[in-house]
Each structure stands twice: as C-alpha cells, then as structure tokens.
Amino acid sequence: MHHLSSKHDSVVITGVGVLSPLGSGFDSLRSALADPPASPPSVPTTGLLASYSGSIDDFGKLPLDRKRSLRKSMKLMNRETQLGVAAAFQAIQDSDLDAAAYAPERVGVCFGAGNVEVRPEDFVAGVQACGESSAEMIEAAWGSLGIPHVDPLWVLRVLPNMPACHIAISYDYRGPNNTITQAEASANLAIQEAKYHLLDGEADAMVVGSTGTTIRIDGTGETDGSASDHGSEGAAAFVIERLERAQQRGATIYGEVLGIGSSCVIDATMVPKPDEAANNAIRASLAQSHLAGDGNVQFTVINDQCDAPAIKRLLESQPTDLLNLSDWIGHVDAGSGAIGLAVALQRLAAADTSATRSAINIGITHNGLASCLTVRNLQPSRAA
C-alpha cells in the first residue's frame, strides 16, 4: 500500500530522450513543433527512421567500456528494442544521472513496449531443412531436423521486456524493473508505476518511457503492406526523480508529474468503448492533479485511437490546444505515448515560464483502455 503522505510529494522529469519521425533528441522537437508537418511523413522503403541508423553513435557519447558492452548486446536486440534503449541512453545522459551517484539498487526501469513480432527469417533455415519449401515441409521432422538450425538466442530478440532489461544491464541498475505492454496507453502507465516506486521510497530515480512500431520488415529488409497506412516507429524515454533530490544535485527540471488516471471500458456485448475510457482517465488525472475545471491545461496531446471531437468536448472547461500526434508521426503503437509526452514537455518549455502551464498526454487503445498523464512546468521560484 502506498503511503498516505506520498500524494504530497513532487516527482519531476530530469532527462528526456526521443527518436521519432519529428527528429532525434529533445532539442530537435523545437524546430519541428514550430513548423509541424501537415500529415505524417512517408515511410521510406526500408521502413527505417532517418534519425536512427542503427549505429552505436545513435546512443550518444559513451565511455569506451560501455560502448564495447553495448556493441555486443546490440546483436541481441531487434530494432524496436534498439530504439527504446537508444532513447533511454539519451535521457540518462541528458539527466547526467551517472553524476548523481545513486546506489545501483536505488535506480530502476519501467518501460512500455509492443508485443514484439517474431521474425520469420529466424526459422527459414529450419523449415528448409524439413522440406524443399514451406508448403512441402515435413512437420514431424521439425524436432530432429529443423530445431538445430534455429539460433537458440532468437527469443531474446523478440521479448517485450528486452528494452527494460538492456537498459538496466547496460547501466547496472538493480532497482525495480518492469515492462508494460498496453499499446498506446503504455508510457503513461509505466510512469505511474515508476512514480509510486519513488514515493514509496523504493528508488531514487527511475528510467521510464516506451518504444513501438507498426512497420513490419520482411526477410529482404523491405517493409510489407502494413506501412502504407502511415505505419511508423519511434521511442522516447525520461528520467524521473523526487523534486528535492533533483534540486540537491542541480538537475534540469523539464516538468512535474501530477495526476495519472487510467480506465478500461467494454460493454456487456464485449464492444470496447475507448472514448468512455478516455473520459474516465482524463477526469481521474485532472482530479488527482487538482486542476479540474480551473482552466489551467493549455496543451493536450492524444494518439490516433480516439475520437478527437469527443475528447475536445470533454475538455470544454479547459481552453486547451488539442494536438493529434498521429497527424505528425503516423501510428507508432506503444511508442506514441512517450513521444506524446516529449512533445507536451517541449510545448511547455516554449511557454511563458513566469506562470504555471499544464499539459495532458492521453493514450487510448482500440480495445477500450485509456491512460492520461498531467504534467506542468515549475515556476522558477519553486524549481530553484
């Protein structure tokens, strides 16, 4: 059970990393948001983000020993995992978390990811060993002839908990570690769990975020048909800490995490009601943030699995600037929630810092689950 006094404690974001169609790095969002695209960018034939080459240089400036270790572990990461780990490395470096010198047992990871696809190419050799083609495959021979041709480590490239694992292993973070696989709602839910670890005294810092893709790559490296409907990929990550610890070490504070709400609504006929779930999540988040009805929410970021007009009606008491993220980045599945938070933080950073400004980030899935996170900038007098 969470301590009753925890609700009075402040949790802040001290590091940001992002890889998205809008660019790589938090600063890159500034110019992108100043002149946002009118529609999602076209997916290149390779299905790859221009901002991520798959090179070790995409992970930032690393000491030689960590670079050597990362180069080995990258062989066990699929692209979705690599994006999440690279974003996390950016956030950790941006936060200067190494300099905080927290005990390894006091730093944890909670990360969102999609249900990572199994790659057909991992099994081609095994299938061919059991017949001339997949249509002629002798299934009874799989155990004796097929399995010996399957890389025994193949499963380590397709597990959704791999981003959280590789982040923790690379930095020797031994604190709480978990993975959330709830599509667009994942990032907010991961931050919610991580926040409670901080408030309950189980960690001094948590690395959070999410990674996702709706691009499917075939064995030749080309995208299949799923990329045609604005399929995309991306990830974003954050470092969160309690306010007093962040102030003590002089960390940059990008925003304060306020309320987080979630809801799942499915009717008696098993039909999902995502807009009703969003209604519940938004109200819970604003109530927890003590912002309901006071008109202090300036920016709202939503993903593509919702009815934007319905969300707008829910927020009539909040004169909010509604941003539908999929219009800018396409469909990123689990990664969209974290990228949405990065966009919200950048919008807050661009606002007048002489007054408090708030933003909400809404993640809604097609199966009736929604999450909502409210953040605000800190007035200089409070952040100092």
Protein backbone atom coordinates (compact mmCIF):
# COMPACT_ATOMS: atom_id res chain seq x y z
CA MET A 1 0.00 0.00 0.00
CA HIS A 2 1.27 3.47 -0.87
CA HIS A 3 1.99 5.87 1.97
CA LEU A 4 -0.80 8.38 2.59
CA SER A 5 1.72 11.23 2.58
CA SER A 6 3.04 10.26 -0.86
CA LYS A 7 0.44 12.35 -2.69
CA HIS A 8 2.05 15.49 -1.25
CA ASP A 9 5.49 14.64 -2.68
CA SER A 10 6.61 16.01 -6.02
CA VAL A 11 8.06 13.87 -8.81
CA VAL A 12 9.81 15.65 -11.68
CA ILE A 13 11.30 14.82 -15.08
CA THR A 14 15.03 15.50 -15.26
CA GLY A 15 16.05 13.83 -18.52
CA VAL A 16 14.49 13.38 -21.97
CA GLY A 17 15.46 11.25 -24.96
CA VAL A 18 13.44 10.81 -28.13
CA LEU A 19 13.70 9.11 -31.52
CA SER A 20 10.75 9.87 -33.78
CA PRO A 21 9.75 10.96 -37.28
CA LEU A 22 9.94 14.52 -35.88
CA GLY A 23 13.65 14.04 -35.22
CA SER A 24 16.19 12.65 -32.79
CA GLY A 25 16.76 14.34 -29.44
CA PHE A 26 14.60 16.66 -27.36
CA ASP A 27 16.00 19.80 -28.94
CA SER A 28 15.06 18.59 -32.41
CA LEU A 29 11.38 18.77 -31.44
CA ARG A 30 11.62 22.54 -31.02
CA SER A 31 12.02 23.31 -34.72
CA ALA A 32 9.64 20.52 -35.72
CA LEU A 33 6.87 21.88 -33.48
CA ALA A 34 7.45 25.42 -34.71
CA ASP A 35 6.52 24.21 -38.20
CA PRO A 36 4.70 20.88 -37.75
CA PRO A 37 4.05 18.68 -40.80
CA ALA A 38 0.57 18.77 -42.30
CA SER A 39 0.48 14.95 -42.45
CA PRO A 40 2.55 12.01 -41.26
CA PRO A 41 5.84 11.57 -43.09
CA SER A 42 6.00 8.94 -45.78
CA VAL A 43 7.64 5.71 -44.67
CA PRO A 44 10.81 5.04 -46.67
CA THR A 45 11.05 1.72 -48.47
CA THR A 46 13.38 0.42 -45.78
CA GLY A 47 10.83 1.32 -43.08
CA LEU A 48 13.56 2.98 -41.00
CA LEU A 49 13.63 6.32 -39.21
CA ALA A 50 16.07 8.73 -40.76
CA SER A 51 17.05 9.77 -37.23
CA TYR A 52 18.22 6.28 -36.28
CA SER A 53 20.81 4.50 -38.38
CA GLY A 54 21.35 1.51 -36.12
CA SER A 55 24.86 2.74 -35.37
CA ILE A 56 26.37 2.79 -31.91
CA ASP A 57 26.74 6.55 -32.38
CA ASP A 58 22.95 6.87 -32.08
CA PHE A 59 23.27 6.04 -28.38
CA GLY A 60 25.18 9.24 -27.54
CA LYS A 61 28.65 9.83 -26.16
CA LEU A 62 29.60 6.77 -24.16
CA PRO A 63 32.73 5.73 -22.27
CA LEU A 64 34.77 3.09 -24.06
CA ASP A 65 33.83 0.23 -21.71
CA ARG A 66 30.10 0.90 -22.04
CA LYS A 67 30.42 1.24 -25.80
CA ARG A 68 32.12 -2.17 -26.02
CA SER A 69 29.41 -3.78 -23.89
CA LEU A 70 26.64 -2.14 -25.91
CA ARG A 71 28.13 -3.26 -29.21
CA LYS A 72 27.87 -6.87 -28.05
CA SER A 73 24.37 -6.59 -26.63
CA MET A 74 23.02 -4.87 -29.76
CA LYS A 75 23.32 -8.24 -31.52
CA LEU A 76 20.57 -9.48 -29.20
CA MET A 77 18.23 -6.51 -29.82
CA ASN A 78 15.68 -6.17 -32.57
CA ARG A 79 15.11 -2.70 -33.95
CA GLU A 80 12.19 -1.87 -31.65
CA THR A 81 14.36 -2.67 -28.63
CA GLN A 82 17.28 -0.68 -30.02
CA LEU A 83 15.07 2.40 -30.40
CA GLY A 84 13.91 2.16 -26.78
CA VAL A 85 17.42 1.63 -25.44
CA ALA A 86 18.84 4.48 -27.53
CA ALA A 87 16.13 6.85 -26.26
CA ALA A 88 16.86 5.77 -22.69
CA PHE A 89 20.59 6.34 -23.15
CA GLN A 90 19.80 9.85 -24.40
CA ALA A 91 17.61 10.55 -21.36
CA ILE A 92 20.19 9.19 -18.89
CA GLN A 93 22.93 11.31 -20.41
CA ASP A 94 20.67 14.35 -20.60
CA SER A 95 19.86 13.95 -16.91
CA ASP A 96 23.55 13.40 -16.02
CA LEU A 97 22.29 10.52 -13.93
CA ASP A 98 25.76 8.96 -13.60
CA ALA A 99 26.92 12.05 -11.71
CA ALA A 100 24.06 11.63 -9.22
CA ALA A 101 25.94 8.60 -7.86
CA TYR A 102 22.78 6.83 -6.72
CA ALA A 103 23.34 3.27 -5.50
CA PRO A 104 22.61 0.73 -8.27
CA GLU A 105 19.85 -0.77 -6.11
CA ARG A 106 18.14 2.64 -5.99
CA VAL A 107 17.71 3.15 -9.75
CA GLY A 108 15.06 1.22 -11.66
CA VAL A 109 13.46 0.94 -15.09
CA CYS A 110 9.80 0.74 -16.10
CA PHE A 111 9.30 0.70 -19.85
CA GLY A 112 6.45 0.27 -22.30
CA ALA A 113 6.79 -1.89 -25.41
CA GLY A 114 4.67 -3.51 -28.06
CA ASN A 115 4.13 -7.22 -28.45
CA VAL A 116 7.35 -7.63 -30.39
CA GLU A 117 6.95 -9.61 -33.59
CA VAL A 118 8.54 -12.99 -34.21
CA ARG A 119 10.78 -12.68 -37.25
CA PRO A 120 10.16 -15.30 -39.98
CA GLU A 121 13.81 -15.19 -41.06
CA ASP A 122 14.82 -16.79 -37.75
CA PHE A 123 13.10 -20.00 -38.85
CA VAL A 124 13.76 -20.13 -42.60
CA ALA A 125 16.79 -22.44 -42.36
CA GLY A 126 14.94 -24.82 -40.07
CA VAL A 127 11.91 -25.00 -42.36
CA GLN A 128 14.12 -25.59 -45.38
CA ALA A 129 15.85 -28.46 -43.56
CA CYS A 130 12.45 -30.15 -43.24
CA GLY A 131 11.44 -29.86 -46.89
CA GLU A 132 12.09 -28.13 -50.19
CA SER A 133 9.60 -25.33 -49.34
CA SER A 134 7.26 -24.29 -46.55
CA ALA A 135 4.36 -25.88 -48.45
CA GLU A 136 6.22 -29.22 -48.56
CA MET A 137 7.58 -29.05 -45.01
CA ILE A 138 7.52 -32.34 -43.11
CA GLU A 139 6.25 -31.23 -39.74
CA ALA A 140 7.26 -34.43 -37.98
CA ALA A 141 10.89 -33.70 -38.87
CA TRP A 142 10.94 -30.32 -37.12
CA GLY A 143 12.26 -31.66 -33.83
CA SER A 144 15.16 -33.58 -35.31
CA LEU A 145 15.97 -31.60 -38.47
CA GLY A 146 14.53 -28.11 -38.01
CA ILE A 147 15.36 -27.02 -34.48
CA PRO A 148 19.15 -27.49 -34.86
CA HIS A 149 19.06 -24.68 -37.46
CA VAL A 150 17.30 -22.20 -35.14
CA ASP A 151 19.50 -19.78 -33.22
CA PRO A 152 18.99 -20.68 -29.53
CA LEU A 153 19.05 -16.97 -28.67
CA TRP A 154 16.30 -15.99 -31.11
CA VAL A 155 13.73 -15.49 -28.36
CA LEU A 156 15.88 -12.86 -26.66
CA ARG A 157 15.35 -10.58 -29.65
CA VAL A 158 11.57 -10.71 -29.57
CA LEU A 159 10.58 -10.40 -25.91
CA PRO A 160 8.83 -7.12 -24.99
CA ASN A 161 10.78 -6.86 -21.72
CA MET A 162 14.09 -6.61 -23.57
CA PRO A 163 14.24 -2.75 -23.64
CA ALA A 164 13.91 -2.58 -19.85
CA CYS A 165 16.40 -5.42 -19.41
CA HIS A 166 19.09 -3.99 -21.71
CA ILE A 167 18.78 -0.52 -20.17
CA ALA A 168 19.23 -1.93 -16.67
CA ILE A 169 22.09 -4.26 -17.64
CA SER A 170 23.99 -1.54 -19.51
CA TYR A 171 23.93 0.85 -16.55
CA ASP A 172 23.85 -1.77 -13.77
CA TYR A 173 20.51 -0.50 -12.49
CA ARG A 174 19.32 -3.07 -9.94
CA GLY A 175 16.19 -1.32 -8.68
CA PRO A 176 12.54 -2.08 -9.62
CA ASN A 177 12.22 -3.29 -13.21
CA ASN A 178 9.03 -3.92 -15.18
CA THR A 179 7.54 -3.80 -18.67
CA ILE A 180 4.08 -2.53 -19.67
CA THR A 181 2.56 -3.92 -22.87
CA GLN A 182 -0.64 -1.89 -23.25
CA ALA A 183 -0.11 -0.30 -26.67
CA GLU A 184 -0.68 3.47 -26.76
CA ALA A 185 -1.50 3.58 -23.04
CA SER A 186 1.84 2.01 -22.04
CA ALA A 187 4.01 5.07 -21.44
CA ASN A 188 1.63 6.79 -19.01
CA LEU A 189 1.10 3.52 -17.11
CA ALA A 190 4.86 2.96 -16.89
CA ILE A 191 5.33 6.44 -15.44
CA GLN A 192 2.52 5.82 -12.97
CA GLU A 193 4.17 2.67 -11.67
CA ALA A 194 7.61 4.30 -11.54
CA LYS A 195 6.24 7.30 -9.67
CA TYR A 196 4.95 5.08 -6.88
CA HIS A 197 8.33 3.37 -6.60
CA LEU A 198 9.82 6.82 -5.92
CA LEU A 199 7.13 7.93 -3.50
CA ASP A 200 7.23 4.67 -1.60
CA GLY A 201 10.96 5.05 -1.07
CA GLU A 202 11.90 2.05 -3.22
CA ALA A 203 14.05 4.04 -5.65
CA ASP A 204 15.82 7.39 -6.01
CA ALA A 205 15.44 7.56 -9.80
CA MET A 206 13.54 5.66 -12.47
CA VAL A 207 14.10 5.43 -16.22
CA VAL A 208 10.73 5.33 -17.98
CA GLY A 209 9.32 5.52 -21.48
CA SER A 210 8.10 3.33 -24.31
CA THR A 211 9.03 2.08 -27.75
CA GLY A 212 6.90 0.82 -30.61
CA THR A 213 6.45 0.20 -34.29
CA THR A 214 3.71 -0.64 -36.77
CA ILE A 215 6.23 -1.35 -39.53
CA ARG A 216 6.85 -4.96 -40.46
CA ILE A 217 10.09 -5.80 -42.22
CA ASP A 218 10.32 -8.93 -44.37
CA GLY A 219 13.41 -11.07 -44.79
CA THR A 220 14.77 -8.81 -47.56
CA GLY A 221 14.71 -5.70 -45.37
CA GLU A 222 11.72 -4.18 -47.17
CA THR A 223 8.50 -3.06 -45.48
CA ASP A 224 5.36 -5.03 -46.13
CA GLY A 225 1.88 -3.61 -46.79
CA SER A 226 1.31 -2.50 -43.19
CA ALA A 227 3.49 0.52 -43.78
CA SER A 228 1.03 2.01 -46.27
CA ASP A 229 -1.38 3.32 -43.63
CA HIS A 230 1.12 5.67 -42.02
CA GLY A 231 2.98 2.86 -40.29
CA SER A 232 5.80 4.30 -38.25
CA GLU A 233 8.23 3.65 -35.43
CA GLY A 234 9.72 5.57 -32.53
CA ALA A 235 10.55 5.76 -28.86
CA ALA A 236 11.02 8.26 -26.07
CA ALA A 237 12.40 7.93 -22.56
CA PHE A 238 12.63 10.02 -19.40
CA VAL A 239 14.40 10.10 -16.06
CA ILE A 240 12.13 10.89 -13.12
CA GLU A 241 13.15 11.74 -9.56
CA ARG A 242 11.68 13.34 -6.48
CA LEU A 243 11.88 17.12 -6.61
CA GLU A 244 14.11 17.55 -3.57
CA ARG A 245 16.69 15.06 -4.86
CA ALA A 246 16.72 16.72 -8.28
CA GLN A 247 17.22 20.12 -6.66
CA GLN A 248 20.00 18.82 -4.45
CA ARG A 249 22.06 17.72 -7.43
CA GLY A 250 21.19 20.73 -9.58
CA ALA A 251 19.39 18.76 -12.28
CA THR A 252 17.45 20.41 -15.09
CA ILE A 253 13.72 20.07 -14.42
CA TYR A 254 11.57 19.70 -17.53
CA GLY A 255 8.26 19.29 -15.75
CA GLU A 256 6.42 17.96 -12.75
CA VAL A 257 4.38 14.75 -12.93
CA LEU A 258 0.95 15.44 -11.46
CA GLY A 259 -2.05 13.14 -11.84
CA ILE A 260 -2.21 9.87 -13.75
CA GLY A 261 -5.52 8.16 -14.48
CA SER A 262 -6.45 5.01 -16.35
CA SER A 263 -9.64 3.20 -17.30
CA CYS A 264 -10.85 0.27 -19.39
CA VAL A 265 -14.44 0.19 -20.67
CA ILE A 266 -16.00 -2.74 -22.53
CA ASP A 267 -19.79 -3.11 -22.68
CA ALA A 268 -21.85 -6.22 -21.98
CA THR A 269 -21.62 -7.29 -25.62
CA MET A 270 -17.80 -7.11 -25.46
CA VAL A 271 -17.62 -3.96 -27.57
CA PRO A 272 -14.77 -1.65 -26.44
CA LYS A 273 -15.68 1.94 -25.54
CA PRO A 274 -12.36 3.81 -25.83
CA ASP A 275 -13.91 7.28 -25.65
CA GLU A 276 -15.67 6.44 -22.38
CA ALA A 277 -12.40 5.07 -21.04
CA ALA A 278 -10.68 8.30 -22.08
CA ASN A 279 -13.38 10.30 -20.28
CA ASN A 280 -12.75 8.37 -17.07
CA ALA A 281 -8.97 8.60 -17.35
CA ILE A 282 -8.99 12.34 -18.06
CA ARG A 283 -11.30 13.11 -15.15
CA ALA A 284 -9.24 10.97 -12.76
CA SER A 285 -5.98 12.57 -13.87
CA LEU A 286 -7.25 16.14 -13.58
CA ALA A 287 -8.87 15.45 -10.22
CA GLN A 288 -5.68 13.94 -8.88
CA SER A 289 -3.80 16.96 -10.20
CA HIS A 290 -6.26 19.39 -8.56
CA LEU A 291 -6.71 21.07 -11.95
CA ALA A 292 -10.26 20.01 -12.82
CA GLY A 293 -12.29 22.95 -14.08
CA ASP A 294 -9.74 25.67 -13.37
CA GLY A 295 -8.74 26.25 -16.99
CA ASN A 296 -5.03 25.70 -16.42
CA VAL A 297 -4.45 22.99 -19.04
CA GLN A 298 -3.00 24.66 -22.10
CA PHE A 299 -1.92 21.68 -24.21
CA THR A 300 -3.38 18.26 -24.84
CA VAL A 301 -1.65 15.51 -26.82
CA ILE A 302 -3.66 12.49 -27.97
CA ASN A 303 -2.85 9.50 -30.13
CA ASP A 304 -4.72 8.14 -33.11
CA GLN A 305 -7.09 5.62 -31.47
CA CYS A 306 -9.76 8.09 -30.44
CA ASP A 307 -12.49 10.48 -31.50
CA ALA A 308 -10.79 13.89 -31.30
CA PRO A 309 -14.06 15.90 -31.23
CA ALA A 310 -15.29 13.78 -28.31
CA ILE A 311 -12.07 14.49 -26.41
CA LYS A 312 -12.44 18.18 -27.19
CA ARG A 313 -15.93 18.18 -25.69
CA LEU A 314 -14.60 16.53 -22.54
CA LEU A 315 -12.16 19.40 -22.17
CA GLU A 316 -14.60 22.28 -22.65
CA SER A 317 -13.71 23.59 -19.20
CA GLN A 318 -10.05 23.62 -20.23
CA PRO A 319 -9.10 26.09 -23.01
CA THR A 320 -6.71 23.56 -24.47
CA ASP A 321 -4.71 23.36 -27.67
CA LEU A 322 -5.53 19.83 -28.92
CA LEU A 323 -2.75 18.03 -30.79
CA ASN A 324 -3.43 14.70 -32.52
CA LEU A 325 0.02 13.16 -32.58
CA SER A 326 -0.71 10.65 -35.34
CA ASP A 327 -1.19 13.58 -37.75
CA TRP A 328 2.52 14.27 -37.29
CA ILE A 329 4.23 10.94 -36.68
CA GLY A 330 1.89 8.24 -38.00
CA HIS A 331 0.97 5.14 -35.98
CA VAL A 332 3.71 4.17 -33.51
CA ASP A 333 1.79 1.82 -31.21
CA ALA A 334 3.38 1.73 -27.72
CA GLY A 335 5.96 4.39 -28.63
CA SER A 336 3.31 7.05 -29.26
CA GLY A 337 2.56 7.72 -25.59
CA ALA A 338 6.17 8.53 -24.74
CA ILE A 339 6.68 10.66 -27.85
CA GLY A 340 3.47 12.49 -26.91
CA LEU A 341 4.90 13.33 -23.50
CA ALA A 342 8.11 14.62 -25.10
CA VAL A 343 6.01 16.85 -27.36
CA ALA A 344 4.00 18.10 -24.37
CA LEU A 345 7.19 18.92 -22.44
CA GLN A 346 8.62 20.79 -25.41
CA ARG A 347 5.42 22.82 -25.71
CA LEU A 348 5.61 23.65 -22.01
CA ALA A 349 9.25 24.66 -22.39
CA ALA A 350 8.26 27.07 -25.14
CA ALA A 351 5.51 28.64 -23.00
CA ASP A 352 5.84 31.65 -20.73
CA THR A 353 7.73 30.34 -17.68
CA SER A 354 6.60 33.20 -15.45
CA ALA A 355 3.35 31.31 -14.83
CA THR A 356 2.41 27.68 -14.35
CA ARG A 357 1.34 25.89 -17.51
CA SER A 358 -0.02 22.35 -17.70
CA ALA A 359 -0.43 19.69 -20.38
CA ILE A 360 -2.13 16.34 -20.55
CA ASN A 361 -0.96 13.33 -22.55
CA ILE A 362 -3.68 10.82 -23.46
CA GLY A 363 -3.03 7.28 -24.66
CA ILE A 364 -6.04 5.36 -25.97
CA THR A 365 -6.14 1.85 -27.40
CA HIS A 366 -8.70 0.29 -29.73
CA ASN A 367 -9.59 -2.35 -27.12
CA GLY A 368 -11.09 0.13 -24.66
CA LEU A 369 -8.10 1.04 -22.48
CA ALA A 370 -7.06 4.64 -21.86
CA SER A 371 -4.46 6.41 -19.76
CA CYS A 372 -3.97 10.09 -19.05
CA LEU A 373 -0.95 11.88 -17.59
CA THR A 374 -0.95 15.50 -16.45
CA VAL A 375 2.32 17.44 -16.26
CA ARG A 376 3.19 21.05 -15.60
CA ASN A 377 6.18 23.30 -15.75
CA LEU A 378 7.53 24.65 -12.48
CA GLN A 379 7.67 28.34 -11.72
CA PRO A 380 11.30 29.43 -11.24
CA SER A 381 10.74 30.12 -7.53
CA ARG A 382 9.65 26.53 -6.94
CA ALA A 383 12.17 24.85 -9.19
CA ALA A 384 15.13 26.67 -7.65
